[in-house]
C-alpha atoms as a PDB file:
ATOM      1  CA  UNK A   1      36.477  15.822 -22.269  1.00  0.00           C
ATOM      2  CA  UNK A   2      32.806  13.568 -21.694  1.00  0.00           C
ATOM      3  CA  UNK A   3      30.298  14.801 -24.071  1.00  0.00           C
ATOM      4  CA  UNK A   4      26.836  14.938 -21.803  1.00  0.00           C
ATOM      5  CA  UNK A   5      23.986  13.302 -23.725  1.00  0.00           C
ATOM      6  CA  UNK A   6      20.412  13.592 -22.276  1.00  0.00           C
ATOM      7  CA  UNK A   7      17.834  10.937 -23.939  1.00  0.00           C
ATOM      8  CA  UNK A   8      14.045   9.650 -23.081  1.00  0.00           C
ATOM      9  CA  UNK A   9      11.511   8.073 -24.651  1.00  0.00           C
ATOM     10  CA  UNK A  10       8.649  10.518 -25.418  1.00  0.00           C
ATOM     11  CA  UNK A  11       5.060  10.835 -26.970  1.00  0.00           C
ATOM     12  CA  UNK A  12       3.452  12.300 -30.225  1.00  0.00           C
ATOM     13  CA  UNK A  13       3.227  15.131 -27.841  1.00  0.00           C
ATOM     14  CA  UNK A  14       6.003  15.794 -25.909  1.00  0.00           C
ATOM     15  CA  UNK A  15       5.558  13.737 -22.660  1.00  0.00           C
ATOM     16  CA  UNK A  16       7.840  11.323 -20.628  1.00  0.00           C
ATOM     17  CA  UNK A  17       6.619   8.918 -18.471  1.00  0.00           C
ATOM     18  CA  UNK A  18       7.853   4.886 -18.047  1.00  0.00           C
ATOM     19  CA  UNK A  19       4.667   4.326 -16.861  1.00  0.00           C
ATOM     20  CA  UNK A  20       2.119   4.801 -19.547  1.00  0.00           C
ATOM     21  CA  UNK A  21       4.599   3.763 -21.746  1.00  0.00           C
ATOM     22  CA  UNK A  22       8.139   1.648 -22.612  1.00  0.00           C
ATOM     23  CA  UNK A  23      10.592   0.184 -25.193  1.00  0.00           C
ATOM     24  CA  UNK A  24      10.067  -2.755 -27.131  1.00  0.00           C
ATOM     25  CA  UNK A  25      12.450  -5.995 -27.082  1.00  0.00           C
ATOM     26  CA  UNK A  26      14.199  -4.026 -29.796  1.00  0.00           C
ATOM     27  CA  UNK A  27      14.705  -0.972 -28.481  1.00  0.00           C
ATOM     28  CA  UNK A  28      15.272  -2.324 -24.727  1.00  0.00           C
ATOM     29  CA  UNK A  29      18.393  -4.112 -26.602  1.00  0.00           C
ATOM     30  CA  UNK A  30      19.560  -1.078 -28.106  1.00  0.00           C
ATOM     31  CA  UNK A  31      19.891   0.505 -24.326  1.00  0.00           C
ATOM     32  CA  UNK A  32      21.945  -2.398 -23.068  1.00  0.00           C
ATOM     33  CA  UNK A  33      23.943  -1.137 -26.115  1.00  0.00           C
ATOM     34  CA  UNK A  34      23.849   2.280 -24.847  1.00  0.00           C
ATOM     35  CA  UNK A  35      24.502   1.761 -21.244  1.00  0.00           C
ATOM     36  CA  UNK A  36      27.687  -0.700 -21.672  1.00  0.00           C
ATOM     37  CA  UNK A  37      28.680   1.839 -24.106  1.00  0.00           C
ATOM     38  CA  UNK A  38      28.752   4.379 -21.694  1.00  0.00           C
ATOM     39  CA  UNK A  39      30.631   6.237 -18.951  1.00  0.00           C
ATOM     40  CA  UNK A  40      28.553   6.761 -17.007  1.00  0.00           C
ATOM     41  CA  UNK A  41      25.385   8.359 -15.849  1.00  0.00           C
ATOM     42  CA  UNK A  42      24.027  11.221 -14.043  1.00  0.00           C
ATOM     43  CA  UNK A  43      20.787  10.871 -11.944  1.00  0.00           C
ATOM     44  CA  UNK A  44      18.335  13.688 -10.495  1.00  0.00           C
ATOM     45  CA  UNK A  45      17.294  12.043  -7.345  1.00  0.00           C
ATOM     46  CA  UNK A  46      13.519  10.440  -8.516  1.00  0.00           C
ATOM     47  CA  UNK A  47      14.768   9.097 -11.383  1.00  0.00           C
ATOM     48  CA  UNK A  48      17.485   7.299  -9.184  1.00  0.00           C
ATOM     49  CA  UNK A  49      15.254   5.697  -7.112  1.00  0.00           C
ATOM     50  CA  UNK A  50      13.404   4.729  -9.648  1.00  0.00           C
ATOM     51  CA  UNK A  51      16.242   3.361 -11.649  1.00  0.00           C
ATOM     52  CA  UNK A  52      17.990   1.201  -7.860  1.00  0.00           C
ATOM     53  CA  UNK A  53      15.303  -1.290  -9.074  1.00  0.00           C
ATOM     54  CA  UNK A  54      18.465  -2.904 -11.057  1.00  0.00           C
ATOM     55  CA  UNK A  55      20.518  -3.044  -8.174  1.00  0.00           C
ATOM     56  CA  UNK A  56      18.167  -5.754  -6.944  1.00  0.00           C
ATOM     57  CA  UNK A  57      18.377  -9.545  -8.261  1.00  0.00           C
ATOM     58  CA  UNK A  58      14.471 -10.546  -9.676  1.00  0.00           C
ATOM     59  CA  UNK A  59      14.328 -14.178 -10.604  1.00  0.00           C
ATOM     60  CA  UNK A  60      12.046 -13.466 -13.271  1.00  0.00           C
ATOM     61  CA  UNK A  61      14.438 -11.297 -15.447  1.00  0.00           C
ATOM     62  CA  UNK A  62      15.306 -12.584 -19.003  1.00  0.00           C
ATOM     63  CA  UNK A  63      18.557 -12.269 -20.323  1.00  0.00           C
ATOM     64  CA  UNK A  64      17.552  -9.076 -21.640  1.00  0.00           C
ATOM     65  CA  UNK A  65      17.097  -7.544 -18.659  1.00  0.00           C
ATOM     66  CA  UNK A  66      20.344  -9.288 -16.809  1.00  0.00           C
ATOM     67  CA  UNK A  67      22.182  -7.902 -19.222  1.00  0.00           C
ATOM     68  CA  UNK A  68      20.544  -3.615 -18.322  1.00  0.00           C
ATOM     69  CA  UNK A  69      21.394  -4.619 -14.607  1.00  0.00           C
ATOM     70  CA  UNK A  70      25.111  -5.901 -15.546  1.00  0.00           C
ATOM     71  CA  UNK A  71      25.813  -2.523 -17.655  1.00  0.00           C
ATOM     72  CA  UNK A  72      24.139  -0.084 -14.824  1.00  0.00           C
ATOM     73  CA  UNK A  73      25.319  -1.963 -12.352  1.00  0.00           C
ATOM     74  CA  UNK A  74      29.302  -1.560 -13.696  1.00  0.00           C
ATOM     75  CA  UNK A  75      28.564   2.310 -14.859  1.00  0.00           C
ATOM     76  CA  UNK A  76      29.615   5.026 -12.424  1.00  0.00           C
ATOM     77  CA  UNK A  77      26.129   7.108 -11.087  1.00  0.00           C
ATOM     78  CA  UNK A  78      26.438  10.456  -9.524  1.00  0.00           C
ATOM     79  CA  UNK A  79      23.150  11.331  -8.007  1.00  0.00           C
ATOM     80  CA  UNK A  80      22.138  14.847  -7.616  1.00  0.00           C
ATOM     81  CA  UNK A  81      20.331  15.724  -4.442  1.00  0.00           C
ATOM     82  CA  UNK A  82      20.100  18.398  -1.738  1.00  0.00           C
ATOM     83  CA  UNK A  83      17.401  15.621   0.443  1.00  0.00           C
ATOM     84  CA  UNK A  84      19.426  12.165  -0.158  1.00  0.00           C
ATOM     85  CA  UNK A  85      22.439  11.397   2.880  1.00  0.00           C
ATOM     86  CA  UNK A  86      23.547   8.537   0.836  1.00  0.00           C
ATOM     87  CA  UNK A  87      23.722   6.513  -2.366  1.00  0.00           C
ATOM     88  CA  UNK A  88      24.455   2.676  -3.740  1.00  0.00           C
ATOM     89  CA  UNK A  89      26.842   0.585  -5.070  1.00  0.00           C
ATOM     90  CA  UNK A  90      29.424   2.895  -7.402  1.00  0.00           C
ATOM     91  CA  UNK A  91      27.395   6.438  -6.826  1.00  0.00           C
ATOM     92  CA  UNK A  92      28.518   8.906  -5.973  1.00  0.00           C
ATOM     93  CA  UNK A  93      26.257  11.972  -4.311  1.00  0.00           C
ATOM     94  CA  UNK A  94      26.312  15.640  -5.402  1.00  0.00           C
ATOM     95  CA  UNK A  95      24.621  18.150  -3.686  1.00  0.00           C
ATOM     96  CA  UNK A  96      26.096  21.346  -3.759  1.00  0.00           C
ATOM     97  CA  UNK A  97      27.209  22.941  -7.328  1.00  0.00           C
ATOM     98  CA  UNK A  98      25.493  21.120  -9.255  1.00  0.00           C
ATOM     99  CA  UNK A  99      27.037  22.981 -12.101  1.00  0.00           C
ATOM    100  CA  UNK A 100      30.470  23.294 -11.269  1.00  0.00           C
ATOM    101  CA  UNK A 101      30.197  19.598  -9.805  1.00  0.00           C
ATOM    102  CA  UNK A 102      29.541  18.376 -13.370  1.00  0.00           C
ATOM    103  CA  UNK A 103      31.230  20.552 -15.836  1.00  0.00           C
ATOM    104  CA  UNK A 104      34.479  18.890 -13.569  1.00  0.00           C
ATOM    105  CA  UNK A 105      32.923  15.427 -14.400  1.00  0.00           C
ATOM    106  CA  UNK A 106      32.799  16.316 -17.801  1.00  0.00           C
ATOM    107  CA  UNK A 107      36.127  17.730 -17.600  1.00  0.00           C
ATOM    108  CA  UNK A 108      37.805  14.406 -15.709  1.00  0.00           C
ATOM    109  CA  UNK A 109      35.564  12.099 -17.903  1.00  0.00           C
ATOM    110  CA  UNK A 110      35.866  10.590 -21.465  1.00  0.00           C
ATOM    111  CA  UNK A 111      33.188   9.092 -23.460  1.00  0.00           C
ATOM    112  CA  UNK A 112      29.288   9.810 -22.995  1.00  0.00           C
ATOM    113  CA  UNK A 113      27.724  10.265 -19.810  1.00  0.00           C
ATOM    114  CA  UNK A 114      24.037  10.625 -19.967  1.00  0.00           C
ATOM    115  CA  UNK A 115      21.556  12.806 -18.018  1.00  0.00           C
ATOM    116  CA  UNK A 116      18.536  11.095 -16.663  1.00  0.00           C
ATOM    117  CA  UNK A 117      15.779  12.470 -16.040  1.00  0.00           C
ATOM    118  CA  UNK A 118      14.147  15.845 -17.809  1.00  0.00           C
ATOM    119  CA  UNK A 119      14.150  18.316 -14.389  1.00  0.00           C
ATOM    120  CA  UNK A 120      17.937  17.179 -13.853  1.00  0.00           C
ATOM    121  CA  UNK A 121      18.528  18.094 -18.026  1.00  0.00           C
ATOM    122  CA  UNK A 122      16.304  20.958 -17.206  1.00  0.00           C
ATOM    123  CA  UNK A 123      18.457  22.495 -15.307  1.00  0.00           C
ATOM    124  CA  UNK A 124      21.895  20.994 -17.161  1.00  0.00           C
ATOM    125  CA  UNK A 125      20.461  22.653 -20.328  1.00  0.00           C
ATOM    126  CA  UNK A 126      19.752  26.128 -18.839  1.00  0.00           C
ATOM    127  CA  UNK A 127      24.062  25.964 -18.308  1.00  0.00           C
ATOM    128  CA  UNK A 128      24.606  24.824 -21.345  1.00  0.00           C
ATOM    129  CA  UNK A 129      26.161  21.948 -19.851  1.00  0.00           C
ATOM    130  CA  UNK A 130      24.613  19.116 -22.631  1.00  0.00           C
ATOM    131  CA  UNK A 131      26.083  18.352 -25.535  1.00  0.00           C
ATOM    132  CA  UNK A 132      23.293  15.961 -26.949  1.00  0.00           C
ATOM    133  CA  UNK A 133      20.004  15.276 -26.846  1.00  0.00           C
ATOM    134  CA  UNK A 134      18.274  12.251 -28.012  1.00  0.00           C
ATOM    135  CA  UNK A 135      14.490  12.270 -28.539  1.00  0.00           C
ATOM    136  CA  UNK A 136      13.263   8.094 -28.924  1.00  0.00           C
ATOM    137  CA  UNK A 137       9.526   9.325 -30.327  1.00  0.00           C
ATOM    138  CA  UNK A 138       6.893   6.622 -29.786  1.00  0.00           C
ATOM    139  CA  UNK A 139       3.365   7.465 -31.340  1.00  0.00           C
ATOM    140  CA  UNK A 140       1.428   7.597 -28.461  1.00  0.00           C
ATOM    141  CA  UNK A 141      -0.304  11.180 -27.323  1.00  0.00           C
ATOM    142  CA  UNK A 142      -0.810  11.703 -23.642  1.00  0.00           C
ATOM    143  CA  UNK A 143      -2.449  15.025 -23.100  1.00  0.00           C
ATOM    144  CA  UNK A 144      -0.927  15.509 -19.975  1.00  0.00           C
ATOM    145  CA  UNK A 145       2.301  14.715 -17.954  1.00  0.00           C
ATOM    146  CA  UNK A 146       6.253  15.769 -17.349  1.00  0.00           C
ATOM    147  CA  UNK A 147       7.484  17.117 -21.158  1.00  0.00           C
ATOM    148  CA  UNK A 148      10.664  16.312 -21.862  1.00  0.00           C
ATOM    149  CA  UNK A 149      12.274  19.709 -22.054  1.00  0.00           C
ATOM    150  CA  UNK A 150      11.173  20.575 -18.434  1.00  0.00           C
ATOM    151  CA  UNK A 151      13.084  23.945 -18.739  1.00  0.00           C
ATOM    152  CA  UNK A 152      14.850  26.178 -20.908  1.00  0.00           C
ATOM    153  CA  UNK A 153      13.814  25.238 -23.869  1.00  0.00           C
ATOM    154  CA  UNK A 154      17.717  25.641 -26.314  1.00  0.00           C
ATOM    155  CA  UNK A 155      17.812  26.266 -30.250  1.00  0.00           C
ATOM    156  CA  UNK A 156      18.748  23.292 -31.254  1.00  0.00           C
ATOM    157  CA  UNK A 157      20.137  21.675 -34.968  1.00  0.00           C
ATOM    158  CA  UNK A 158      18.899  18.148 -36.155  1.00  0.00           C
ATOM    159  CA  UNK A 159      21.746  15.825 -36.680  1.00  0.00           C
ATOM    160  CA  UNK A 160      20.501  12.462 -36.882  1.00  0.00           C
ATOM    161  CA  UNK A 161      17.198  10.541 -37.355  1.00  0.00           C
ATOM    162  CA  UNK A 162      16.595   7.008 -37.345  1.00  0.00           C
ATOM    163  CA  UNK A 163      14.436   4.822 -37.103  1.00  0.00           C
ATOM    164  CA  UNK A 164      15.208   2.051 -34.039  1.00  0.00           C
ATOM    165  CA  UNK A 165      12.609  -0.207 -34.238  1.00  0.00           C
ATOM    166  CA  UNK A 166       8.708  -0.764 -35.874  1.00  0.00           C
ATOM    167  CA  UNK A 167       7.400   2.437 -33.944  1.00  0.00           C
ATOM    168  CA  UNK A 168       9.983   4.527 -32.712  1.00  0.00           C
ATOM    169  CA  UNK A 169      12.016   7.227 -34.206  1.00  0.00           C
ATOM    170  CA  UNK A 170      15.045   8.582 -32.537  1.00  0.00           C
ATOM    171  CA  UNK A 171      16.146  11.830 -33.667  1.00  0.00           C
ATOM    172  CA  UNK A 172      19.056  13.463 -32.366  1.00  0.00           C
ATOM    173  CA  UNK A 173      19.711  17.129 -31.490  1.00  0.00           C
ATOM    174  CA  UNK A 174      22.892  19.578 -30.572  1.00  0.00           C
ATOM    175  CA  UNK A 175      21.953  22.973 -29.385  1.00  0.00           C
ATOM    176  CA  UNK A 176      22.195  25.169 -32.120  1.00  0.00           C
END
């Protein structure tokens, strides 16, 4: 059975915003290694549309960006959306019975499946489907935005903490 993991960069005050801050080169390489090892990713519509950037070739990319794009393209992707009618390469659309469909994906696969996006993660948290939360804490205060926990705030137990680069700590939690 696959393990569903929700991990995102987070400000000190609990918000996620890829436009306000992003990963350092070292943290980006960490994310490349994670993407290379994942079975796949489950996206909500908004996050999937942002990530489609990696489907296109960009001549200005450095080796790390090409490596991430290659890992992302290889992965299976499942997209939860009621409004999309089609998705890109190596992706499948989930329109109805989201909890049931994701429960079946979890049972049918091995390894880690990433949950991408706080709103989707919120609905899956409420259904008890997320097995692990990885918070990449950055020394930035945003004061507003989309919270990491955009839905129910589950009781959690800390299982690990790692310094990923000079300024970022990864906190790993499981449901308590």
